[in-house]
């Protein structure tokens, strides 16, 4: 039996510039933070040559081509696994909630399958690229590289993609961000679940057309990195709010209810915030220093559940390998 976990993530800045429609023209630059909410993949040998896949439903099939789960099917085919395997997935949060579950799932699955085939697991970057290949090339999803890379590397990390899609990875902690900065972020970033689940694909297709908007979002992401490195959290909060305004200019990234919740949070003491992922639902994350209890009460009154988190600095991790 093999058990692998991959962290979920919150985007800090520059989201959307990881899409190939953008970085193939201008290069991309974004910051993500892995959090201690995880996707777990459990892999075990089967007694026979069949395949058993358990997620929100259970499949028992004779070949990879018969697997209905698209990511599992393509991962098995990519690595040449024909059968004799059982795969189980467990998630700390629901899918389609903006925390990068699909990317984390693929990274965890590929790592577990590599371990199943051999103890020689490829480097994190290779795993991330294989996961991106499945999403972008094999499944033709309108996705970028943010989720797969942060799941593989973990931490609070800056990524840049050149026009060919090659990604450079720069950990911001502890090289640039001090322990004090990390503590402030963990203490003052508050997460709330809207209860709304939504696929990101349609929104990402719209984002791909919003080039001018993404130029501005990229610049805001760069400014966020500078503000945090300088321990300027007041500016960080303002930049989050500016990013919100820019993101709301894109079609499909918000609605009247989402906007209403954001304004309630601002009045309750949030300096700025983000709706995770492509938008339209999922999780809010707000930055709030002095009125955290007021913010929690305001969100609870609206039926939004608080979700405690800390950062994850492990990235993809094999928890157990008994094969």
Foldseek 3Di string as FASTA:
>chain_A
DWKKKFFFKFWQFLPLCLFLLNQLVPWGKTKMFTWPWIKMKDKDFAPDFWEWEEDVHIDIGQFLVPDPPQLSSVLCVVVVRGGRMYMYMDGRDDPQQQRLVLLRVNLRVNQRVVVVVHVPGDALVVSLVVSCCSQCPVVVFRDGRVSNNCRSQHATWMWIAHSVRDIDIGHCPPVQAPPVLQVLCQVFKWKWFPPDGDDLRVLSVQSSPVNVLSVVRRVLRVVLSVCSSVVNVLVSLQSQAVNVVSLVVTPPAEDPVRVVLQVLLVVQAFSHWDRHHSHDGHMIITGGDDRVVSNCVSCVVVVIDIDRIHTDRPRMDTPDDPD
